[in-house]
Amino acid sequence: MRIELADPRGLIRESYRIEGIGPSECRSIFLDWALGLPETVDTSRALRRLLAEYGPGAADHPMTAVLRAGLAEEPAARRRGGPRGRRS
């Protein structure tokens, strides 16, 4: 995947250039990136491409941690207990 497809607006690229950026700002940028990603782009594939592009040179950058977290599997859905779990 070309980097232009993985980060069409350059948000992730720019986040790596911001000095002193913190985890909360990176999460905000990530959310904006995810919401703006075209539907035709596979998000997991784009995340792997972004990590391959930026991760090796910035292992300690907070955006690298956010991108890795984005690839983590979601916890399995569980049935809620109590009355909410019995609604039809």
PDB file of N, CA and C in Angstrom:
ATOM      1  N   MET A   1       0.851  -1.175   0.000  1.00  0.00           N
ATOM      2  CA  MET A   1       0.000   0.000   0.000  1.00  0.00           C
ATOM      3  C   MET A   1       0.895   1.235   0.000  1.00  0.00           C
ATOM      4  N   ARG A   2       0.571   2.179  -0.843  1.00  0.00           N
ATOM      5  CA  ARG A   2       1.313   3.439  -0.882  1.00  0.00           C
ATOM      6  C   ARG A   2       0.988   4.253   0.369  1.00  0.00           C
ATOM      7  N   ILE A   3       1.975   4.984   0.843  1.00  0.00           N
ATOM      8  CA  ILE A   3       1.794   5.781   2.054  1.00  0.00           C
ATOM      9  C   ILE A   3       0.705   6.833   1.857  1.00  0.00           C
ATOM     10  N   GLU A   4       0.531   7.316   0.632  1.00  0.00           N
ATOM     11  CA  GLU A   4      -0.503   8.318   0.347  1.00  0.00           C
ATOM     12  C   GLU A   4      -1.908   7.752   0.545  1.00  0.00           C
ATOM     13  N   LEU A   5      -2.067   6.453   0.363  1.00  0.00           N
ATOM     14  CA  LEU A   5      -3.363   5.810   0.612  1.00  0.00           C
ATOM     15  C   LEU A   5      -3.579   5.570   2.103  1.00  0.00           C
ATOM     16  N   ALA A   6      -2.500   5.251   2.799  1.00  0.00           N
ATOM     17  CA  ALA A   6      -2.602   4.969   4.234  1.00  0.00           C
ATOM     18  C   ALA A   6      -2.813   6.249   5.048  1.00  0.00           C
ATOM     19  N   ASP A   7      -2.299   7.368   4.547  1.00  0.00           N
ATOM     20  CA  ASP A   7      -2.396   8.639   5.265  1.00  0.00           C
ATOM     21  C   ASP A   7      -2.695   9.751   4.255  1.00  0.00           C
ATOM     22  N   PRO A   8      -3.901   9.728   3.681  1.00  0.00           N
ATOM     23  CA  PRO A   8      -4.194  10.645   2.576  1.00  0.00           C
ATOM     24  C   PRO A   8      -4.113  12.132   2.928  1.00  0.00           C
ATOM     25  N   ARG A   9      -4.365  12.494   4.166  1.00  0.00           N
ATOM     26  CA  ARG A   9      -4.301  13.906   4.561  1.00  0.00           C
ATOM     27  C   ARG A   9      -3.000  14.259   5.280  1.00  0.00           C
ATOM     28  N   GLY A  10      -2.121  13.276   5.450  1.00  0.00           N
ATOM     29  CA  GLY A  10      -0.827  13.521   6.073  1.00  0.00           C
ATOM     30  C   GLY A  10      -0.886  13.768   7.567  1.00  0.00           C
ATOM     31  N   LEU A  11      -1.981  13.389   8.202  1.00  0.00           N
ATOM     32  CA  LEU A  11      -2.124  13.647   9.640  1.00  0.00           C
ATOM     33  C   LEU A  11      -1.105  12.882  10.475  1.00  0.00           C
ATOM     34  N   ILE A  12      -0.914  11.623  10.150  1.00  0.00           N
ATOM     35  CA  ILE A  12       0.028  10.810  10.931  1.00  0.00           C
ATOM     36  C   ILE A  12       1.449  11.305  10.692  1.00  0.00           C
ATOM     37  N   ARG A  13       1.787  11.573   9.435  1.00  0.00           N
ATOM     38  CA  ARG A  13       3.119  12.099   9.113  1.00  0.00           C
ATOM     39  C   ARG A  13       3.402  13.359   9.934  1.00  0.00           C
ATOM     40  N   GLU A  14       2.454  14.278   9.953  1.00  0.00           N
ATOM     41  CA  GLU A  14       2.653  15.538  10.671  1.00  0.00           C
ATOM     42  C   GLU A  14       2.751  15.340  12.184  1.00  0.00           C
ATOM     43  N   SER A  15       2.035  14.354  12.704  1.00  0.00           N
ATOM     44  CA  SER A  15       2.106  14.121  14.156  1.00  0.00           C
ATOM     45  C   SER A  15       3.514  13.747  14.588  1.00  0.00           C
ATOM     46  N   TYR A  16       4.236  13.042  13.720  1.00  0.00           N
ATOM     47  CA  TYR A  16       5.614  12.666  14.044  1.00  0.00           C
ATOM     48  C   TYR A  16       6.556  13.864  13.999  1.00  0.00           C
ATOM     49  N   ARG A  17       6.154  14.938  13.378  1.00  0.00           N
ATOM     50  CA  ARG A  17       6.991  16.130  13.258  1.00  0.00           C
ATOM     51  C   ARG A  17       6.748  17.145  14.380  1.00  0.00           C
ATOM     52  N   ILE A  18       5.716  16.944  15.176  1.00  0.00           N
ATOM     53  CA  ILE A  18       5.379  17.893  16.239  1.00  0.00           C
ATOM     54  C   ILE A  18       6.221  17.585  17.476  1.00  0.00           C
ATOM     55  N   GLU A  19       7.060  18.524  17.844  1.00  0.00           N
ATOM     56  CA  GLU A  19       7.898  18.338  19.030  1.00  0.00           C
ATOM     57  C   GLU A  19       7.065  18.410  20.295  1.00  0.00           C
ATOM     58  N   GLY A  20       7.318  17.520  21.218  1.00  0.00           N
ATOM     59  CA  GLY A  20       6.649  17.538  22.508  1.00  0.00           C
ATOM     60  C   GLY A  20       5.207  17.058  22.489  1.00  0.00           C
ATOM     61  N   ILE A  21       4.773  16.442  21.401  1.00  0.00           N
ATOM     62  CA  ILE A  21       3.403  15.939  21.326  1.00  0.00           C
ATOM     63  C   ILE A  21       3.223  14.817  22.346  1.00  0.00           C
ATOM     64  N   GLY A  22       2.058  14.782  22.957  1.00  0.00           N
ATOM     65  CA  GLY A  22       1.789  13.770  23.981  1.00  0.00           C
ATOM     66  C   GLY A  22       0.787  12.726  23.513  1.00  0.00           C
ATOM     67  N   PRO A  23       0.573  11.729  24.336  1.00  0.00           N
ATOM     68  CA  PRO A  23      -0.350  10.651  23.986  1.00  0.00           C
ATOM     69  C   PRO A  23      -1.779  11.116  23.709  1.00  0.00           C
ATOM     70  N   SER A  24      -2.282  12.069  24.478  1.00  0.00           N
ATOM     71  CA  SER A  24      -3.667  12.506  24.265  1.00  0.00           C
ATOM     72  C   SER A  24      -3.817  13.211  22.924  1.00  0.00           C
ATOM     73  N   GLU A  25      -2.833  14.007  22.543  1.00  0.00           N
ATOM     74  CA  GLU A  25      -2.888  14.656  21.230  1.00  0.00           C
ATOM     75  C   GLU A  25      -2.791  13.625  20.110  1.00  0.00           C
ATOM     76  N   CYS A  26      -1.964  12.619  20.307  1.00  0.00           N
ATOM     77  CA  CYS A  26      -1.830  11.563  19.302  1.00  0.00           C
ATOM     78  C   CYS A  26      -3.133  10.780  19.148  1.00  0.00           C
ATOM     79  N   ARG A  27      -3.817  10.517  20.242  1.00  0.00           N
ATOM     80  CA  ARG A  27      -5.110   9.813  20.156  1.00  0.00           C
ATOM     81  C   ARG A  27      -6.133  10.654  19.407  1.00  0.00           C
ATOM     82  N   SER A  28      -6.116  11.945  19.637  1.00  0.00           N
ATOM     83  CA  SER A  28      -7.034  12.844  18.942  1.00  0.00           C
ATOM     84  C   SER A  28      -6.746  12.869  17.434  1.00  0.00           C
ATOM     85  N   ILE A  29      -5.483  12.960  17.082  1.00  0.00           N
ATOM     86  CA  ILE A  29      -5.088  12.938  15.670  1.00  0.00           C
ATOM     87  C   ILE A  29      -5.460  11.596  15.047  1.00  0.00           C
ATOM     88  N   PHE A  30      -5.231  10.510  15.788  1.00  0.00           N
ATOM     89  CA  PHE A  30      -5.569   9.178  15.289  1.00  0.00           C
ATOM     90  C   PHE A  30      -7.067   9.064  14.997  1.00  0.00           C
ATOM     91  N   LEU A  31      -7.885   9.577  15.899  1.00  0.00           N
ATOM     92  CA  LEU A  31      -9.330   9.525  15.691  1.00  0.00           C
ATOM     93  C   LEU A  31      -9.718  10.313  14.441  1.00  0.00           C
ATOM     94  N   ASP A  32      -9.146  11.482  14.274  1.00  0.00           N
ATOM     95  CA  ASP A  32      -9.408  12.284  13.077  1.00  0.00           C
ATOM     96  C   ASP A  32      -8.966  11.536  11.830  1.00  0.00           C
ATOM     97  N   TRP A  33      -7.803  10.896  11.889  1.00  0.00           N
ATOM     98  CA  TRP A  33      -7.303  10.089  10.772  1.00  0.00           C
ATOM     99  C   TRP A  33      -8.277   8.960  10.447  1.00  0.00           C
ATOM    100  N   ALA A  34      -8.694   8.231  11.471  1.00  0.00           N
ATOM    101  CA  ALA A  34      -9.577   7.075  11.265  1.00  0.00           C
ATOM    102  C   ALA A  34     -10.928   7.500  10.679  1.00  0.00           C
ATOM    103  N   LEU A  35     -11.475   8.591  11.167  1.00  0.00           N
ATOM    104  CA  LEU A  35     -12.770   9.060  10.661  1.00  0.00           C
ATOM    105  C   LEU A  35     -12.665   9.587   9.234  1.00  0.00           C
ATOM    106  N   GLY A  36     -11.504  10.083   8.848  1.00  0.00           N
ATOM    107  CA  GLY A  36     -11.324  10.631   7.520  1.00  0.00           C
ATOM    108  C   GLY A  36     -10.802   9.650   6.494  1.00  0.00           C
ATOM    109  N   LEU A  37     -10.513   8.430   6.918  1.00  0.00           N
ATOM    110  CA  LEU A  37      -9.989   7.421   6.000  1.00  0.00           C
ATOM    111  C   LEU A  37     -11.095   6.962   5.053  1.00  0.00           C
ATOM    112  N   PRO A  38     -10.836   6.937   3.752  1.00  0.00           N
ATOM    113  CA  PRO A  38     -11.870   6.483   2.813  1.00  0.00           C
ATOM    114  C   PRO A  38     -12.325   5.059   3.130  1.00  0.00           C
ATOM    115  N   GLU A  39     -13.588   4.784   2.876  1.00  0.00           N
ATOM    116  CA  GLU A  39     -14.147   3.461   3.166  1.00  0.00           C
ATOM    117  C   GLU A  39     -13.455   2.347   2.388  1.00  0.00           C
ATOM    118  N   THR A  40     -12.863   2.683   1.270  1.00  0.00           N
ATOM    119  CA  THR A  40     -12.215   1.672   0.424  1.00  0.00           C
ATOM    120  C   THR A  40     -10.859   1.229   0.967  1.00  0.00           C
ATOM    121  N   VAL A  41     -10.335   1.930   1.955  1.00  0.00           N
ATOM    122  CA  VAL A  41      -9.025   1.609   2.521  1.00  0.00           C
ATOM    123  C   VAL A  41      -9.189   0.682   3.715  1.00  0.00           C
ATOM    124  N   ASP A  42      -8.465  -0.421   3.702  1.00  0.00           N
ATOM    125  CA  ASP A  42      -8.465  -1.377   4.809  1.00  0.00           C
ATOM    126  C   ASP A  42      -7.678  -0.759   5.969  1.00  0.00           C
ATOM    127  N   THR A  43      -8.344  -0.516   7.074  1.00  0.00           N
ATOM    128  CA  THR A  43      -7.732   0.181   8.203  1.00  0.00           C
ATOM    129  C   THR A  43      -6.534  -0.578   8.773  1.00  0.00           C
ATOM    130  N   SER A  44      -6.655  -1.880   8.942  1.00  0.00           N
ATOM    131  CA  SER A  44      -5.551  -2.667   9.496  1.00  0.00           C
ATOM    132  C   SER A  44      -4.329  -2.614   8.588  1.00  0.00           C
ATOM    133  N   ARG A  45      -4.584  -2.720   7.311  1.00  0.00           N
ATOM    134  CA  ARG A  45      -3.484  -2.654   6.342  1.00  0.00           C
ATOM    135  C   ARG A  45      -2.829  -1.271   6.371  1.00  0.00           C
ATOM    136  N   ALA A  46      -3.631  -0.227   6.466  1.00  0.00           N
ATOM    137  CA  ALA A  46      -3.099   1.132   6.539  1.00  0.00           C
ATOM    138  C   ALA A  46      -2.270   1.321   7.808  1.00  0.00           C
ATOM    139  N   LEU A  47      -2.743   0.799   8.922  1.00  0.00           N
ATOM    140  CA  LEU A  47      -1.994   0.907  10.178  1.00  0.00           C
ATOM    141  C   LEU A  47      -0.649   0.191  10.080  1.00  0.00           C
ATOM    142  N   ARG A  48      -0.650  -0.990   9.494  1.00  0.00           N
ATOM    143  CA  ARG A  48       0.616  -1.721   9.333  1.00  0.00           C
ATOM    144  C   ARG A  48       1.582  -0.935   8.442  1.00  0.00           C
ATOM    145  N   ARG A  49       1.056  -0.310   7.401  1.00  0.00           N
ATOM    146  CA  ARG A  49       1.903   0.492   6.497  1.00  0.00           C
ATOM    147  C   ARG A  49       2.474   1.700   7.228  1.00  0.00           C
ATOM    148  N   LEU A  50       1.652   2.362   8.017  1.00  0.00           N
ATOM    149  CA  LEU A  50       2.119   3.526   8.771  1.00  0.00           C
ATOM    150  C   LEU A  50       3.185   3.135   9.789  1.00  0.00           C
ATOM    151  N   LEU A  51       2.980   2.018  10.454  1.00  0.00           N
ATOM    152  CA  LEU A  51       3.990   1.552  11.414  1.00  0.00           C
ATOM    153  C   LEU A  51       5.294   1.191  10.719  1.00  0.00           C
ATOM    154  N   ALA A  52       5.199   0.598   9.541  1.00  0.00           N
ATOM    155  CA  ALA A  52       6.405   0.253   8.785  1.00  0.00           C
ATOM    156  C   ALA A  52       7.149   1.512   8.350  1.00  0.00           C
ATOM    157  N   GLU A  53       6.408   2.553   8.022  1.00  0.00           N
ATOM    158  CA  GLU A  53       7.007   3.805   7.561  1.00  0.00           C
ATOM    159  C   GLU A  53       7.630   4.605   8.699  1.00  0.00           C
ATOM    160  N   TYR A  54       6.904   4.766   9.790  1.00  0.00           N
ATOM    161  CA  TYR A  54       7.333   5.678  10.850  1.00  0.00           C
ATOM    162  C   TYR A  54       7.836   4.993  12.121  1.00  0.00           C
ATOM    163  N   GLY A  55       7.392   3.796  12.396  1.00  0.00           N
ATOM    164  CA  GLY A  55       7.721   3.115  13.642  1.00  0.00           C
ATOM    165  C   GLY A  55       9.192   2.842  13.889  1.00  0.00           C
ATOM    166  N   PRO A  56       9.930   2.328  12.885  1.00  0.00           N
ATOM    167  CA  PRO A  56      11.323   1.978  13.152  1.00  0.00           C
ATOM    168  C   PRO A  56      12.196   3.142  13.632  1.00  0.00           C
ATOM    169  N   GLY A  57      11.965   4.324  13.138  1.00  0.00           N
ATOM    170  CA  GLY A  57      12.775   5.461  13.538  1.00  0.00           C
ATOM    171  C   GLY A  57      12.223   6.207  14.734  1.00  0.00           C
ATOM    172  N   ALA A  58      11.076   5.775  15.237  1.00  0.00           N
ATOM    173  CA  ALA A  58      10.430   6.502  16.335  1.00  0.00           C
ATOM    174  C   ALA A  58       9.725   5.529  17.282  1.00  0.00           C
ATOM    175  N   ALA A  59      10.461   4.555  17.749  1.00  0.00           N
ATOM    176  CA  ALA A  59       9.869   3.520  18.609  1.00  0.00           C
ATOM    177  C   ALA A  59       9.268   4.095  19.893  1.00  0.00           C
ATOM    178  N   ASP A  60       9.831   5.189  20.406  1.00  0.00           N
ATOM    179  CA  ASP A  60       9.354   5.771  21.660  1.00  0.00           C
ATOM    180  C   ASP A  60       8.333   6.888  21.462  1.00  0.00           C
ATOM    181  N   HIS A  61       7.987   7.180  20.219  1.00  0.00           N
ATOM    182  CA  HIS A  61       7.034   8.266  19.945  1.00  0.00           C
ATOM    183  C   HIS A  61       5.632   7.837  20.370  1.00  0.00           C
ATOM    184  N   PRO A  62       4.858   8.734  20.971  1.00  0.00           N
ATOM    185  CA  PRO A  62       3.514   8.350  21.416  1.00  0.00           C
ATOM    186  C   PRO A  62       2.588   7.932  20.266  1.00  0.00           C
ATOM    187  N   MET A  63       2.801   8.446  19.059  1.00  0.00           N
ATOM    188  CA  MET A  63       1.951   8.026  17.938  1.00  0.00           C
ATOM    189  C   MET A  63       2.227   6.572  17.571  1.00  0.00           C
ATOM    190  N   THR A  64       3.458   6.131  17.725  1.00  0.00           N
ATOM    191  CA  THR A  64       3.778   4.727  17.459  1.00  0.00           C
ATOM    192  C   THR A  64       2.982   3.834  18.402  1.00  0.00           C
ATOM    193  N   ALA A  65       2.895   4.216  19.652  1.00  0.00           N
ATOM    194  CA  ALA A  65       2.114   3.439  20.622  1.00  0.00           C
ATOM    195  C   ALA A  65       0.631   3.453  20.260  1.00  0.00           C
ATOM    196  N   VAL A  66       0.122   4.599  19.800  1.00  0.00           N
ATOM    197  CA  VAL A  66      -1.285   4.698  19.421  1.00  0.00           C
ATOM    198  C   VAL A  66      -1.559   3.826  18.200  1.00  0.00           C
ATOM    199  N   LEU A  67      -0.671   3.838  17.214  1.00  0.00           N
ATOM    200  CA  LEU A  67      -0.859   3.006  16.024  1.00  0.00           C
ATOM    201  C   LEU A  67      -0.835   1.520  16.392  1.00  0.00           C
ATOM    202  N   ARG A  68       0.073   1.147  17.266  1.00  0.00           N
ATOM    203  CA  ARG A  68       0.133  -0.258  17.712  1.00  0.00           C
ATOM    204  C   ARG A  68      -1.154  -0.651  18.441  1.00  0.00           C
ATOM    205  N   ALA A  69      -1.652   0.240  19.268  1.00  0.00           N
ATOM    206  CA  ALA A  69      -2.898  -0.034  19.988  1.00  0.00           C
ATOM    207  C   ALA A  69      -4.060  -0.175  19.009  1.00  0.00           C
ATOM    208  N   GLY A  70      -4.023   0.576  17.922  1.00  0.00           N
ATOM    209  CA  GLY A  70      -5.068   0.470  16.910  1.00  0.00           C
ATOM    210  C   GLY A  70      -5.096  -0.876  16.231  1.00  0.00           C
ATOM    211  N   LEU A  71      -3.954  -1.547  16.206  1.00  0.00           N
ATOM    212  CA  LEU A  71      -3.888  -2.886  15.611  1.00  0.00           C
ATOM    213  C   LEU A  71      -4.272  -3.994  16.583  1.00  0.00           C
ATOM    214  N   ALA A  72      -4.282  -3.683  17.861  1.00  0.00           N
ATOM    215  CA  ALA A  72      -4.606  -4.698  18.872  1.00  0.00           C
ATOM    216  C   ALA A  72      -6.030  -5.191  18.665  1.00  0.00           C
ATOM    217  N   GLU A  73      -6.222  -6.447  18.913  1.00  0.00           N
ATOM    218  CA  GLU A  73      -7.558  -7.031  18.769  1.00  0.00           C
ATOM    219  C   GLU A  73      -8.501  -6.478  19.824  1.00  0.00           C
ATOM    220  N   GLU A  74      -9.746  -6.293  19.413  1.00  0.00           N
ATOM    221  CA  GLU A  74     -10.762  -5.862  20.364  1.00  0.00           C
ATOM    222  C   GLU A  74     -11.087  -7.033  21.284  1.00  0.00           C
ATOM    223  N   PRO A  75     -11.417  -6.753  22.533  1.00  0.00           N
ATOM    224  CA  PRO A  75     -11.814  -7.846  23.418  1.00  0.00           C
ATOM    225  C   PRO A  75     -13.090  -8.496  22.898  1.00  0.00           C
ATOM    226  N   ALA A  76     -13.192  -9.775  23.122  1.00  0.00           N
ATOM    227  CA  ALA A  76     -14.379 -10.505  22.667  1.00  0.00           C
ATOM    228  C   ALA A  76     -15.628  -9.968  23.354  1.00  0.00           C
ATOM    229  N   ALA A  77     -16.693  -9.854  22.583  1.00  0.00           N
ATOM    230  CA  ALA A  77     -17.959  -9.379  23.148  1.00  0.00           C
ATOM    231  C   ALA A  77     -18.488 -10.422  24.121  1.00  0.00           C
ATOM    232  N   ARG A  78     -18.992  -9.934  25.240  1.00  0.00           N
ATOM    233  CA  ARG A  78     -19.539 -10.846  26.240  1.00  0.00           C
ATOM    234  C   ARG A  78     -20.976 -10.460  26.505  1.00  0.00           C
ATOM    235  N   ARG A  79     -21.732 -11.419  26.915  1.00  0.00           N
ATOM    236  CA  ARG A  79     -23.129 -11.187  27.271  1.00  0.00           C
ATOM    237  C   ARG A  79     -23.173 -10.400  28.564  1.00  0.00           C
ATOM    238  N   ARG A  80     -24.001  -9.382  28.578  1.00  0.00           N
ATOM    239  CA  ARG A  80     -24.184  -8.613  29.807  1.00  0.00           C
ATOM    240  C   ARG A  80     -25.090  -9.388  30.747  1.00  0.00           C
ATOM    241  N   GLY A  81     -24.820  -9.306  32.000  1.00  0.00           N
ATOM    242  CA  GLY A  81     -25.646  -9.983  32.981  1.00  0.00           C
ATOM    243  C   GLY A  81     -26.829  -9.139  33.402  1.00  0.00           C
ATOM    244  N   GLY A  82     -27.696  -9.697  34.176  1.00  0.00           N
ATOM    245  CA  GLY A  82     -28.839  -8.971  34.711  1.00  0.00           C
ATOM    246  C   GLY A  82     -29.933  -8.736  33.677  1.00  0.00           C
ATOM    247  N   PRO A  83     -30.846  -7.819  33.986  1.00  0.00           N
ATOM    248  CA  PRO A  83     -31.996  -7.578  33.103  1.00  0.00           C
ATOM    249  C   PRO A  83     -31.603  -7.114  31.705  1.00  0.00           C
ATOM    250  N   ARG A  84     -30.533  -6.343  31.578  1.00  0.00           N
ATOM    251  CA  ARG A  84     -30.120  -5.873  30.255  1.00  0.00           C
ATOM    252  C   ARG A  84     -29.693  -7.028  29.355  1.00  0.00           C
ATOM    253  N   GLY A  85     -29.158  -8.057  29.923  1.00  0.00           N
ATOM    254  CA  GLY A  85     -28.716  -9.200  29.137  1.00  0.00           C
ATOM    255  C   GLY A  85     -29.877 -10.079  28.688  1.00  0.00           C
ATOM    256  N   ARG A  86     -31.035  -9.944  29.300  1.00  0.00           N
ATOM    257  CA  ARG A  86     -32.189 -10.786  28.948  1.00  0.00           C
ATOM    258  C   ARG A  86     -33.185 -10.107  28.028  1.00  0.00           C
ATOM    259  N   ARG A  87     -32.951  -8.861  27.686  1.00  0.00           N
ATOM    260  CA  ARG A  87     -33.885  -8.170  26.776  1.00  0.00           C
ATOM    261  C   ARG A  87     -33.864  -8.823  25.414  1.00  0.00           C
ATOM    262  N   SER A  88     -35.013  -8.833  24.785  1.00  0.00           N
ATOM    263  CA  SER A  88     -35.092  -9.411  23.443  1.00  0.00           C
ATOM    264  C   SER A  88     -35.170  -8.346  22.402  1.00  0.00           C
TER     265      SER A  88
END
